[in-house]
Structures are given as C-alpha cells and as structure tokens.
PDB file of all heavy atoms in Angstrom:
ATOM      1  N   LYS A   1       7.704 -16.472 -14.355  1.00  0.00           N
ATOM      2  CA  LYS A   1       6.675 -15.486 -14.037  1.00  0.00           C
ATOM      3  C   LYS A   1       7.282 -14.092 -13.969  1.00  0.00           C
ATOM      4  O   LYS A   1       8.186 -13.824 -13.179  1.00  0.00           O
ATOM      5  CB  LYS A   1       6.015 -15.836 -12.699  1.00  0.00           C
ATOM      6  CG  LYS A   1       4.834 -14.935 -12.340  1.00  0.00           C
ATOM      7  CD  LYS A   1       4.205 -15.361 -11.017  1.00  0.00           C
ATOM      8  CE  LYS A   1       3.027 -14.476 -10.650  1.00  0.00           C
ATOM      9  NZ  LYS A   1       2.452 -14.863  -9.325  1.00  0.00           N
ATOM     10  N   ILE A   2       6.770 -13.197 -14.795  1.00  0.00           N
ATOM     11  CA  ILE A   2       7.253 -11.820 -14.864  1.00  0.00           C
ATOM     12  C   ILE A   2       6.084 -10.889 -14.589  1.00  0.00           C
ATOM     13  O   ILE A   2       4.959 -11.137 -15.029  1.00  0.00           O
ATOM     14  CB  ILE A   2       7.852 -11.501 -16.247  1.00  0.00           C
ATOM     15  CG1 ILE A   2       8.995 -12.456 -16.572  1.00  0.00           C
ATOM     16  CG2 ILE A   2       8.351 -10.057 -16.305  1.00  0.00           C
ATOM     17  CD1 ILE A   2       9.647 -12.202 -17.915  1.00  0.00           C
ATOM     18  N   GLY A   3       6.327  -9.809 -13.887  1.00  0.00           N
ATOM     19  CA  GLY A   3       5.251  -8.861 -13.630  1.00  0.00           C
ATOM     20  C   GLY A   3       5.766  -7.477 -13.286  1.00  0.00           C
ATOM     21  O   GLY A   3       6.967  -7.246 -13.092  1.00  0.00           O
ATOM     22  N   LEU A   4       4.837  -6.569 -13.215  1.00  0.00           N
ATOM     23  CA  LEU A   4       5.096  -5.186 -12.823  1.00  0.00           C
ATOM     24  C   LEU A   4       4.915  -5.049 -11.312  1.00  0.00           C
ATOM     25  O   LEU A   4       3.950  -5.559 -10.747  1.00  0.00           O
ATOM     26  CB  LEU A   4       4.110  -4.260 -13.535  1.00  0.00           C
ATOM     27  CG  LEU A   4       4.090  -2.788 -13.124  1.00  0.00           C
ATOM     28  CD1 LEU A   4       5.340  -2.071 -13.604  1.00  0.00           C
ATOM     29  CD2 LEU A   4       2.833  -2.096 -13.662  1.00  0.00           C
ATOM     30  N   ILE A   5       5.860  -4.388 -10.652  1.00  0.00           N
ATOM     31  CA  ILE A   5       5.677  -3.967  -9.261  1.00  0.00           C
ATOM     32  C   ILE A   5       5.382  -2.469  -9.313  1.00  0.00           C
ATOM     33  O   ILE A   5       6.301  -1.655  -9.451  1.00  0.00           O
ATOM     34  CB  ILE A   5       6.920  -4.270  -8.394  1.00  0.00           C
ATOM     35  CG1 ILE A   5       7.221  -5.761  -8.415  1.00  0.00           C
ATOM     36  CG2 ILE A   5       6.698  -3.778  -6.967  1.00  0.00           C
ATOM     37  CD1 ILE A   5       8.436  -6.175  -7.579  1.00  0.00           C
ATOM     38  N   PRO A   6       4.111  -2.081  -9.244  1.00  0.00           N
ATOM     39  CA  PRO A   6       3.727  -0.691  -9.530  1.00  0.00           C
ATOM     40  C   PRO A   6       4.367   0.346  -8.611  1.00  0.00           C
ATOM     41  O   PRO A   6       4.594   1.486  -9.030  1.00  0.00           O
ATOM     42  CB  PRO A   6       2.199  -0.706  -9.357  1.00  0.00           C
ATOM     43  CG  PRO A   6       1.803  -2.132  -9.522  1.00  0.00           C
ATOM     44  CD  PRO A   6       2.946  -2.930  -8.982  1.00  0.00           C
ATOM     45  N   ASP A   7       4.655  -0.050  -7.358  1.00  0.00           N
ATOM     46  CA  ASP A   7       5.209   0.916  -6.414  1.00  0.00           C
ATOM     47  C   ASP A   7       6.734   0.967  -6.426  1.00  0.00           C
ATOM     48  O   ASP A   7       7.330   1.782  -5.715  1.00  0.00           O
ATOM     49  CB  ASP A   7       4.732   0.596  -4.995  1.00  0.00           C
ATOM     50  CG  ASP A   7       3.220   0.775  -4.850  1.00  0.00           C
ATOM     51  OD1 ASP A   7       2.666   1.662  -5.524  1.00  0.00           O
ATOM     52  OD2 ASP A   7       2.614   0.015  -4.079  1.00  0.00           O
ATOM     53  N   ALA A   8       7.365   0.116  -7.228  1.00  0.00           N
ATOM     54  CA  ALA A   8       8.836   0.112  -7.316  1.00  0.00           C
ATOM     55  C   ALA A   8       9.275   1.148  -8.349  1.00  0.00           C
ATOM     56  O   ALA A   8       9.787   0.827  -9.426  1.00  0.00           O
ATOM     57  CB  ALA A   8       9.342  -1.277  -7.673  1.00  0.00           C
ATOM     58  N   ILE A   9       9.100   2.398  -8.005  1.00  0.00           N
ATOM     59  CA  ILE A   9       9.364   3.506  -8.922  1.00  0.00           C
ATOM     60  C   ILE A   9      10.821   3.951  -8.803  1.00  0.00           C
ATOM     61  O   ILE A   9      11.393   3.978  -7.716  1.00  0.00           O
ATOM     62  CB  ILE A   9       8.434   4.691  -8.602  1.00  0.00           C
ATOM     63  CG1 ILE A   9       6.971   4.294  -8.830  1.00  0.00           C
ATOM     64  CG2 ILE A   9       8.780   5.915  -9.441  1.00  0.00           C
ATOM     65  CD1 ILE A   9       5.977   5.323  -8.319  1.00  0.00           C
ATOM     66  N   VAL A  10      11.426   4.283  -9.933  1.00  0.00           N
ATOM     67  CA  VAL A  10      12.703   4.992  -9.915  1.00  0.00           C
ATOM     68  C   VAL A  10      12.498   6.332 -10.620  1.00  0.00           C
ATOM     69  O   VAL A  10      11.583   6.491 -11.426  1.00  0.00           O
ATOM     70  CB  VAL A  10      13.830   4.199 -10.610  1.00  0.00           C
ATOM     71  CG1 VAL A  10      14.000   2.834  -9.971  1.00  0.00           C
ATOM     72  CG2 VAL A  10      13.588   4.059 -12.109  1.00  0.00           C
ATOM     73  N   TYR A  11      13.355   7.280 -10.302  1.00  0.00           N
ATOM     74  CA  TYR A  11      13.320   8.586 -10.968  1.00  0.00           C
ATOM     75  C   TYR A  11      14.376   8.571 -12.067  1.00  0.00           C
ATOM     76  O   TYR A  11      15.581   8.614 -11.796  1.00  0.00           O
ATOM     77  CB  TYR A  11      13.593   9.700  -9.962  1.00  0.00           C
ATOM     78  CG  TYR A  11      12.602   9.729  -8.820  1.00  0.00           C
ATOM     79  CD1 TYR A  11      13.023   9.552  -7.503  1.00  0.00           C
ATOM     80  CD2 TYR A  11      11.241   9.925  -9.063  1.00  0.00           C
ATOM     81  CE1 TYR A  11      12.115   9.577  -6.451  1.00  0.00           C
ATOM     82  CE2 TYR A  11      10.327   9.943  -8.026  1.00  0.00           C
ATOM     83  CZ  TYR A  11      10.770   9.770  -6.720  1.00  0.00           C
ATOM     84  OH  TYR A  11       9.866   9.783  -5.689  1.00  0.00           O
ATOM     85  N   HIS A  12      13.894   8.497 -13.303  1.00  0.00           N
ATOM     86  CA  HIS A  12      14.780   8.296 -14.450  1.00  0.00           C
ATOM     87  C   HIS A  12      14.993   9.631 -15.155  1.00  0.00           C
ATOM     88  O   HIS A  12      14.068  10.197 -15.724  1.00  0.00           O
ATOM     89  CB  HIS A  12      14.141   7.281 -15.404  1.00  0.00           C
ATOM     90  CG  HIS A  12      15.099   6.692 -16.385  1.00  0.00           C
ATOM     91  ND1 HIS A  12      14.697   5.880 -17.417  1.00  0.00           N
ATOM     92  CD2 HIS A  12      16.450   6.801 -16.512  1.00  0.00           C
ATOM     93  CE1 HIS A  12      15.742   5.515 -18.115  1.00  0.00           C
ATOM     94  NE2 HIS A  12      16.819   6.064 -17.588  1.00  0.00           N
ATOM     95  N   LYS A  13      16.234  10.101 -15.151  1.00  0.00           N
ATOM     96  CA  LYS A  13      16.524  11.412 -15.739  1.00  0.00           C
ATOM     97  C   LYS A  13      16.398  11.408 -17.256  1.00  0.00           C
ATOM     98  O   LYS A  13      16.055  12.416 -17.859  1.00  0.00           O
ATOM     99  CB  LYS A  13      17.956  11.835 -15.368  1.00  0.00           C
ATOM    100  CG  LYS A  13      18.171  12.094 -13.900  1.00  0.00           C
ATOM    101  CD  LYS A  13      19.613  12.517 -13.673  1.00  0.00           C
ATOM    102  CE  LYS A  13      19.890  12.748 -12.213  1.00  0.00           C
ATOM    103  NZ  LYS A  13      21.307  13.121 -11.996  1.00  0.00           N
ATOM    104  N   ARG A  14      16.717  10.302 -17.877  1.00  0.00           N
ATOM    105  CA  ARG A  14      16.763  10.202 -19.336  1.00  0.00           C
ATOM    106  C   ARG A  14      17.676  11.283 -19.901  1.00  0.00           C
ATOM    107  O   ARG A  14      18.815  11.400 -19.507  1.00  0.00           O
ATOM    108  CB  ARG A  14      15.360  10.260 -19.923  1.00  0.00           C
ATOM    109  CG  ARG A  14      14.483   9.126 -19.414  1.00  0.00           C
ATOM    110  CD  ARG A  14      13.170   9.016 -20.147  1.00  0.00           C
ATOM    111  NE  ARG A  14      12.387   7.945 -19.576  1.00  0.00           N
ATOM    112  CZ  ARG A  14      12.531   6.670 -19.881  1.00  0.00           C
ATOM    113  NH1 ARG A  14      13.449   6.316 -20.751  1.00  0.00           N
ATOM    114  NH2 ARG A  14      11.792   5.743 -19.309  1.00  0.00           N
ATOM    115  N   ARG A  15      17.180  12.137 -20.772  1.00  0.00           N
ATOM    116  CA  ARG A  15      18.035  13.139 -21.401  1.00  0.00           C
ATOM    117  C   ARG A  15      17.674  14.528 -20.901  1.00  0.00           C
ATOM    118  O   ARG A  15      16.545  14.773 -20.473  1.00  0.00           O
ATOM    119  CB  ARG A  15      17.921  13.048 -22.923  1.00  0.00           C
ATOM    120  CG  ARG A  15      18.449  11.731 -23.484  1.00  0.00           C
ATOM    121  CD  ARG A  15      19.952  11.587 -23.186  1.00  0.00           C
ATOM    122  NE  ARG A  15      20.494  10.314 -23.658  1.00  0.00           N
ATOM    123  CZ  ARG A  15      20.797   9.301 -22.877  1.00  0.00           C
ATOM    124  NH1 ARG A  15      20.581   9.384 -21.574  1.00  0.00           N
ATOM    125  NH2 ARG A  15      21.304   8.201 -23.376  1.00  0.00           N
ATOM    126  N   THR A  16      18.638  15.429 -20.990  1.00  0.00           N
ATOM    127  CA  THR A  16      18.455  16.761 -20.405  1.00  0.00           C
ATOM    128  C   THR A  16      18.038  17.809 -21.425  1.00  0.00           C
ATOM    129  O   THR A  16      17.782  18.947 -21.065  1.00  0.00           O
ATOM    130  CB  THR A  16      19.751  17.225 -19.727  1.00  0.00           C
ATOM    131  OG1 THR A  16      20.838  17.154 -20.671  1.00  0.00           O
ATOM    132  CG2 THR A  16      20.082  16.331 -18.533  1.00  0.00           C
ATOM    133  N   ASP A  17      17.989  17.460 -22.708  1.00  0.00           N
ATOM    134  CA  ASP A  17      17.484  18.396 -23.718  1.00  0.00           C
ATOM    135  C   ASP A  17      16.807  17.592 -24.824  1.00  0.00           C
ATOM    136  O   ASP A  17      16.964  16.369 -24.922  1.00  0.00           O
ATOM    137  CB  ASP A  17      18.589  19.308 -24.263  1.00  0.00           C
ATOM    138  CG  ASP A  17      19.708  18.538 -24.970  1.00  0.00           C
ATOM    139  OD1 ASP A  17      19.419  17.795 -25.922  1.00  0.00           O
ATOM    140  OD2 ASP A  17      20.872  18.682 -24.554  1.00  0.00           O
ATOM    141  N   PHE A  18      16.079  18.294 -25.680  1.00  0.00           N
ATOM    142  CA  PHE A  18      15.257  17.608 -26.673  1.00  0.00           C
ATOM    143  C   PHE A  18      16.079  16.998 -27.808  1.00  0.00           C
ATOM    144  O   PHE A  18      15.648  16.029 -28.422  1.00  0.00           O
ATOM    145  CB  PHE A  18      14.209  18.569 -27.233  1.00  0.00           C
ATOM    146  CG  PHE A  18      13.137  18.933 -26.231  1.00  0.00           C
ATOM    147  CD1 PHE A  18      12.839  20.254 -25.951  1.00  0.00           C
ATOM    148  CD2 PHE A  18      12.442  17.942 -25.560  1.00  0.00           C
ATOM    149  CE1 PHE A  18      11.858  20.579 -25.029  1.00  0.00           C
ATOM    150  CE2 PHE A  18      11.464  18.256 -24.621  1.00  0.00           C
ATOM    151  CZ  PHE A  18      11.178  19.579 -24.362  1.00  0.00           C
ATOM    152  N   VAL A  19      17.256  17.547 -28.088  1.00  0.00           N
ATOM    153  CA  VAL A  19      18.107  16.970 -29.134  1.00  0.00           C
ATOM    154  C   VAL A  19      18.592  15.588 -28.701  1.00  0.00           C
ATOM    155  O   VAL A  19      18.514  14.607 -29.460  1.00  0.00           O
ATOM    156  CB  VAL A  19      19.296  17.892 -29.449  1.00  0.00           C
ATOM    157  CG1 VAL A  19      20.256  17.212 -30.423  1.00  0.00           C
ATOM    158  CG2 VAL A  19      18.807  19.218 -30.039  1.00  0.00           C
ATOM    159  N   LYS A  20      19.097  15.487 -27.465  1.00  0.00           N
ATOM    160  CA  LYS A  20      19.540  14.197 -26.947  1.00  0.00           C
ATOM    161  C   LYS A  20      18.373  13.221 -26.821  1.00  0.00           C
ATOM    162  O   LYS A  20      18.512  12.022 -27.076  1.00  0.00           O
ATOM    163  CB  LYS A  20      20.216  14.383 -25.593  1.00  0.00           C
ATOM    164  CG  LYS A  20      21.526  15.162 -25.655  1.00  0.00           C
ATOM    165  CD  LYS A  20      22.090  15.396 -24.263  1.00  0.00           C
ATOM    166  CE  LYS A  20      23.383  16.200 -24.318  1.00  0.00           C
ATOM    167  NZ  LYS A  20      23.910  16.508 -22.967  1.00  0.00           N
ATOM    168  N   PHE A  21      17.220  13.745 -26.428  1.00  0.00           N
ATOM    169  CA  PHE A  21      16.024  12.902 -26.301  1.00  0.00           C
ATOM    170  C   PHE A  21      15.611  12.352 -27.661  1.00  0.00           C
ATOM    171  O   PHE A  21      15.244  11.179 -27.784  1.00  0.00           O
ATOM    172  CB  PHE A  21      14.896  13.725 -25.683  1.00  0.00           C
ATOM    173  CG  PHE A  21      13.635  12.956 -25.393  1.00  0.00           C
ATOM    174  CD1 PHE A  21      13.661  11.782 -24.662  1.00  0.00           C
ATOM    175  CD2 PHE A  21      12.404  13.419 -25.847  1.00  0.00           C
ATOM    176  CE1 PHE A  21      12.497  11.074 -24.397  1.00  0.00           C
ATOM    177  CE2 PHE A  21      11.242  12.728 -25.581  1.00  0.00           C
ATOM    178  CZ  PHE A  21      11.287  11.547 -24.863  1.00  0.00           C
ATOM    179  N   PHE A  22      15.687  13.189 -28.700  1.00  0.00           N
ATOM    180  CA  PHE A  22      15.356  12.743 -30.055  1.00  0.00           C
ATOM    181  C   PHE A  22      16.267  11.582 -30.463  1.00  0.00           C
ATOM    182  O   PHE A  22      15.801  10.565 -30.989  1.00  0.00           O
ATOM    183  CB  PHE A  22      15.495  13.897 -31.046  1.00  0.00           C
ATOM    184  CG  PHE A  22      15.128  13.536 -32.455  1.00  0.00           C
ATOM    185  CD1 PHE A  22      13.841  13.749 -32.929  1.00  0.00           C
ATOM    186  CD2 PHE A  22      16.056  12.955 -33.323  1.00  0.00           C
ATOM    187  CE1 PHE A  22      13.492  13.404 -34.231  1.00  0.00           C
ATOM    188  CE2 PHE A  22      15.715  12.602 -34.610  1.00  0.00           C
ATOM    189  CZ  PHE A  22      14.427  12.834 -35.065  1.00  0.00           C
ATOM    190  N   LYS A  23      17.567  11.734 -30.225  1.00  0.00           N
ATOM    191  CA  LYS A  23      18.518  10.680 -30.609  1.00  0.00           C
ATOM    192  C   LYS A  23      18.222   9.379 -29.861  1.00  0.00           C
ATOM    193  O   LYS A  23      18.300   8.291 -30.439  1.00  0.00           O
ATOM    194  CB  LYS A  23      19.944  11.146 -30.316  1.00  0.00           C
ATOM    195  CG  LYS A  23      20.414  12.284 -31.222  1.00  0.00           C
ATOM    196  CD  LYS A  23      21.823  12.731 -30.848  1.00  0.00           C
ATOM    197  CE  LYS A  23      22.291  13.875 -31.740  1.00  0.00           C
ATOM    198  NZ  LYS A  23      23.655  14.354 -31.362  1.00  0.00           N
ATOM    199  N   GLN A  24      17.891   9.503 -28.568  1.00  0.00           N
ATOM    200  CA  GLN A  24      17.590   8.316 -27.776  1.00  0.00           C
ATOM    201  C   GLN A  24      16.357   7.593 -28.303  1.00  0.00           C
ATOM    202  O   GLN A  24      16.351   6.365 -28.445  1.00  0.00           O
ATOM    203  CB  GLN A  24      17.387   8.700 -26.315  1.00  0.00           C
ATOM    204  CG  GLN A  24      17.139   7.516 -25.398  1.00  0.00           C
ATOM    205  CD  GLN A  24      16.836   7.933 -23.973  1.00  0.00           C
ATOM    206  OE1 GLN A  24      16.056   8.849 -23.734  1.00  0.00           O
ATOM    207  NE2 GLN A  24      17.456   7.268 -23.015  1.00  0.00           N
ATOM    208  N   LEU A  25      15.304   8.353 -28.610  1.00  0.00           N
ATOM    209  CA  LEU A  25      14.057   7.716 -29.064  1.00  0.00           C
ATOM    210  C   LEU A  25      14.170   7.196 -30.485  1.00  0.00           C
ATOM    211  O   LEU A  25      13.514   6.205 -30.842  1.00  0.00           O
ATOM    212  CB  LEU A  25      12.902   8.710 -28.924  1.00  0.00           C
ATOM    213  CG  LEU A  25      12.138   8.630 -27.591  1.00  0.00           C
ATOM    214  CD1 LEU A  25      11.409   7.289 -27.465  1.00  0.00           C
ATOM    215  CD2 LEU A  25      13.059   8.809 -26.394  1.00  0.00           C
ATOM    216  N   HIS A  26      14.985   7.834 -31.306  1.00  0.00           N
ATOM    217  CA  HIS A  26      15.252   7.304 -32.642  1.00  0.00           C
ATOM    218  C   HIS A  26      15.897   5.918 -32.513  1.00  0.00           C
ATOM    219  O   HIS A  26      15.562   4.983 -33.246  1.00  0.00           O
ATOM    220  CB  HIS A  26      16.173   8.260 -33.405  1.00  0.00           C
ATOM    221  CG  HIS A  26      16.396   7.885 -34.837  1.00  0.00           C
ATOM    222  ND1 HIS A  26      17.419   7.054 -35.234  1.00  0.00           N
ATOM    223  CD2 HIS A  26      15.710   8.224 -35.966  1.00  0.00           C
ATOM    224  CE1 HIS A  26      17.366   6.895 -36.550  1.00  0.00           C
ATOM    225  NE2 HIS A  26      16.345   7.585 -37.018  1.00  0.00           N
ATOM    226  N   PHE A  27      16.795   5.794 -31.560  1.00  0.00           N
ATOM    227  CA  PHE A  27      17.440   4.513 -31.261  1.00  0.00           C
ATOM    228  C   PHE A  27      16.413   3.488 -30.798  1.00  0.00           C
ATOM    229  O   PHE A  27      16.458   2.317 -31.194  1.00  0.00           O
ATOM    230  CB  PHE A  27      18.505   4.753 -30.196  1.00  0.00           C
ATOM    231  CG  PHE A  27      19.484   3.629 -30.022  1.00  0.00           C
ATOM    232  CD1 PHE A  27      20.565   3.479 -30.876  1.00  0.00           C
ATOM    233  CD2 PHE A  27      19.332   2.709 -28.986  1.00  0.00           C
ATOM    234  CE1 PHE A  27      21.479   2.449 -30.708  1.00  0.00           C
ATOM    235  CE2 PHE A  27      20.233   1.680 -28.811  1.00  0.00           C
ATOM    236  CZ  PHE A  27      21.315   1.539 -29.673  1.00  0.00           C
ATOM    237  N   PHE A  28      15.456   3.920 -29.964  1.00  0.00           N
ATOM    238  CA  PHE A  28      14.416   3.009 -29.477  1.00  0.00           C
ATOM    239  C   PHE A  28      13.549   2.491 -30.626  1.00  0.00           C
ATOM    240  O   PHE A  28      13.131   1.327 -30.626  1.00  0.00           O
ATOM    241  CB  PHE A  28      13.520   3.714 -28.459  1.00  0.00           C
ATOM    242  CG  PHE A  28      14.160   3.938 -27.109  1.00  0.00           C
ATOM    243  CD1 PHE A  28      13.455   4.580 -26.106  1.00  0.00           C
ATOM    244  CD2 PHE A  28      15.446   3.516 -26.843  1.00  0.00           C
ATOM    245  CE1 PHE A  28      14.035   4.798 -24.855  1.00  0.00           C
ATOM    246  CE2 PHE A  28      16.044   3.725 -25.602  1.00  0.00           C
ATOM    247  CZ  PHE A  28      15.324   4.367 -24.608  1.00  0.00           C
ATOM    248  N   GLY A  29      13.251   3.356 -31.583  1.00  0.00           N
ATOM    249  CA  GLY A  29      12.463   2.929 -32.740  1.00  0.00           C
ATOM    250  C   GLY A  29      13.175   1.856 -33.541  1.00  0.00           C
ATOM    251  O   GLY A  29      12.569   0.865 -33.979  1.00  0.00           O
ATOM    252  N   ARG A  30      14.468   2.054 -33.731  1.00  0.00           N
ATOM    253  CA  ARG A  30      15.271   1.042 -34.413  1.00  0.00           C
ATOM    254  C   ARG A  30      15.317  -0.254 -33.607  1.00  0.00           C
ATOM    255  O   ARG A  30      15.315  -1.354 -34.176  1.00  0.00           O
ATOM    256  CB  ARG A  30      16.684   1.576 -34.644  1.00  0.00           C
ATOM    257  CG  ARG A  30      16.769   2.770 -35.588  1.00  0.00           C
ATOM    258  CD  ARG A  30      18.213   3.236 -35.723  1.00  0.00           C
ATOM    259  NE  ARG A  30      19.037   2.142 -36.197  1.00  0.00           N
ATOM    260  CZ  ARG A  30      20.329   1.980 -35.873  1.00  0.00           C
ATOM    261  NH1 ARG A  30      20.912   2.816 -35.049  1.00  0.00           N
ATOM    262  NH2 ARG A  30      21.006   0.958 -36.367  1.00  0.00           N
ATOM    263  N   ALA A  31      15.358  -0.117 -32.287  1.00  0.00           N
ATOM    264  CA  ALA A  31      15.447  -1.298 -31.424  1.00  0.00           C
ATOM    265  C   ALA A  31      14.239  -2.210 -31.580  1.00  0.00           C
ATOM    266  O   ALA A  31      14.361  -3.439 -31.491  1.00  0.00           O
ATOM    267  CB  ALA A  31      15.592  -0.859 -29.963  1.00  0.00           C
ATOM    268  N   ARG A  32      13.071  -1.620 -31.811  1.00  0.00           N
ATOM    269  CA  ARG A  32      11.869  -2.444 -31.957  1.00  0.00           C
ATOM    270  C   ARG A  32      12.006  -3.382 -33.149  1.00  0.00           C
ATOM    271  O   ARG A  32      11.569  -4.545 -33.094  1.00  0.00           O
ATOM    272  CB  ARG A  32      10.648  -1.543 -32.103  1.00  0.00           C
ATOM    273  CG  ARG A  32       9.342  -2.267 -32.334  1.00  0.00           C
ATOM    274  CD  ARG A  32       9.063  -3.363 -31.334  1.00  0.00           C
ATOM    275  NE  ARG A  32       8.889  -2.866 -29.979  1.00  0.00           N
ATOM    276  CZ  ARG A  32       8.585  -3.660 -28.950  1.00  0.00           C
ATOM    277  NH1 ARG A  32       8.447  -4.968 -29.121  1.00  0.00           N
ATOM    278  NH2 ARG A  32       8.439  -3.145 -27.739  1.00  0.00           N
ATOM    279  N   ILE A  33      12.617  -2.928 -34.227  1.00  0.00           N
ATOM    280  CA  ILE A  33      12.823  -3.784 -35.395  1.00  0.00           C
ATOM    281  C   ILE A  33      13.871  -4.848 -35.082  1.00  0.00           C
ATOM    282  O   ILE A  33      13.777  -5.992 -35.538  1.00  0.00           O
ATOM    283  CB  ILE A  33      13.238  -2.950 -36.618  1.00  0.00           C
ATOM    284  CG1 ILE A  33      12.150  -1.931 -36.948  1.00  0.00           C
ATOM    285  CG2 ILE A  33      13.499  -3.845 -37.819  1.00  0.00           C
ATOM    286  CD1 ILE A  33      10.776  -2.526 -37.212  1.00  0.00           C
ATOM    287  N   ASN A  34      14.876  -4.497 -34.285  1.00  0.00           N
ATOM    288  CA  ASN A  34      15.876  -5.485 -33.892  1.00  0.00           C
ATOM    289  C   ASN A  34      15.235  -6.626 -33.099  1.00  0.00           C
ATOM    290  O   ASN A  34      15.561  -7.798 -33.301  1.00  0.00           O
ATOM    291  CB  ASN A  34      16.972  -4.813 -33.063  1.00  0.00           C
ATOM    292  CG  ASN A  34      18.280  -5.591 -33.067  1.00  0.00           C
ATOM    293  OD1 ASN A  34      18.655  -6.171 -34.075  1.00  0.00           O
ATOM    294  ND2 ASN A  34      18.969  -5.606 -31.936  1.00  0.00           N
ATOM    295  N   VAL A  35      14.306  -6.288 -32.212  1.00  0.00           N
ATOM    296  CA  VAL A  35      13.583  -7.308 -31.460  1.00  0.00           C
ATOM    297  C   VAL A  35      12.732  -8.159 -32.407  1.00  0.00           C
ATOM    298  O   VAL A  35      12.646  -9.390 -32.259  1.00  0.00           O
ATOM    299  CB  VAL A  35      12.704  -6.661 -30.370  1.00  0.00           C
ATOM    300  CG1 VAL A  35      11.804  -7.699 -29.707  1.00  0.00           C
ATOM    301  CG2 VAL A  35      13.570  -5.978 -29.320  1.00  0.00           C
ATOM    302  N   TYR A  36      12.122  -7.513 -33.385  1.00  0.00           N
ATOM    303  CA  TYR A  36      11.303  -8.227 -34.379  1.00  0.00           C
ATOM    304  C   TYR A  36      12.113  -9.317 -35.089  1.00  0.00           C
ATOM    305  O   TYR A  36      11.582 -10.403 -35.379  1.00  0.00           O
ATOM    306  CB  TYR A  36      10.751  -7.235 -35.389  1.00  0.00           C
ATOM    307  CG  TYR A  36      10.247  -7.866 -36.671  1.00  0.00           C
ATOM    308  CD1 TYR A  36       8.999  -8.493 -36.729  1.00  0.00           C
ATOM    309  CD2 TYR A  36      11.029  -7.853 -37.828  1.00  0.00           C
ATOM    310  CE1 TYR A  36       8.548  -9.080 -37.903  1.00  0.00           C
ATOM    311  CE2 TYR A  36      10.591  -8.436 -39.000  1.00  0.00           C
ATOM    312  CZ  TYR A  36       9.349  -9.050 -39.029  1.00  0.00           C
ATOM    313  OH  TYR A  36       8.915  -9.635 -40.180  1.00  0.00           O
ATOM    314  N   LYS A  37      13.390  -9.054 -35.348  1.00  0.00           N
ATOM    315  CA  LYS A  37      14.206 -10.040 -36.046  1.00  0.00           C
ATOM    316  C   LYS A  37      14.397 -11.307 -35.212  1.00  0.00           C
ATOM    317  O   LYS A  37      14.610 -12.383 -35.754  1.00  0.00           O
ATOM    318  CB  LYS A  37      15.576  -9.435 -36.400  1.00  0.00           C
ATOM    319  CG  LYS A  37      15.494  -8.210 -37.295  1.00  0.00           C
ATOM    320  CD  LYS A  37      14.846  -8.508 -38.638  1.00  0.00           C
ATOM    321  CE  LYS A  37      15.741  -9.299 -39.547  1.00  0.00           C
ATOM    322  NZ  LYS A  37      15.155  -9.476 -40.898  1.00  0.00           N
ATOM    323  N   PHE A  38      14.297 -11.182 -33.888  1.00  0.00           N
ATOM    324  CA  PHE A  38      14.389 -12.344 -33.004  1.00  0.00           C
ATOM    325  C   PHE A  38      13.015 -12.981 -32.784  1.00  0.00           C
ATOM    326  O   PHE A  38      12.891 -14.199 -32.722  1.00  0.00           O
ATOM    327  CB  PHE A  38      14.977 -11.936 -31.649  1.00  0.00           C
ATOM    328  CG  PHE A  38      16.449 -11.656 -31.673  1.00  0.00           C
ATOM    329  CD1 PHE A  38      16.926 -10.388 -31.956  1.00  0.00           C
ATOM    330  CD2 PHE A  38      17.371 -12.665 -31.426  1.00  0.00           C
ATOM    331  CE1 PHE A  38      18.290 -10.124 -31.971  1.00  0.00           C
ATOM    332  CE2 PHE A  38      18.728 -12.408 -31.437  1.00  0.00           C
ATOM    333  CZ  PHE A  38      19.190 -11.135 -31.723  1.00  0.00           C
ATOM    334  N   PHE A  39      11.989 -12.138 -32.629  1.00  0.00           N
ATOM    335  CA  PHE A  39      10.640 -12.610 -32.307  1.00  0.00           C
ATOM    336  C   PHE A  39       9.626 -11.906 -33.213  1.00  0.00           C
ATOM    337  O   PHE A  39       9.021 -10.907 -32.817  1.00  0.00           O
ATOM    338  CB  PHE A  39      10.304 -12.334 -30.833  1.00  0.00           C
ATOM    339  CG  PHE A  39      11.238 -12.980 -29.852  1.00  0.00           C
ATOM    340  CD1 PHE A  39      12.257 -12.255 -29.257  1.00  0.00           C
ATOM    341  CD2 PHE A  39      11.109 -14.320 -29.527  1.00  0.00           C
ATOM    342  CE1 PHE A  39      13.117 -12.836 -28.349  1.00  0.00           C
ATOM    343  CE2 PHE A  39      11.971 -14.926 -28.616  1.00  0.00           C
ATOM    344  CZ  PHE A  39      12.980 -14.188 -28.041  1.00  0.00           C
TER     345      PHE A  39
END
C-alpha cells in the first residue's frame, strides 16, 4: 500500500538558476523513457 501524506511537506530547493533547472528537467524527460523500458 502506497499513498500520499499531503501534510508531509519538505522545502525542496531544486536548482538556483534556470540553466541548471533546464538541465535537471531535461534529465527528468529522459528518465520517463528509462522507466518505460521497465514498465
């Protein structure tokens, strides 16, 4: 059983500028295809 705990919030800094953010999200897009190869 897996679920969301809505009030268990963390403050996630992620990236501090848009160039780093772009690189991170480009990686996330690729990751979705990697997951597809498994499922």
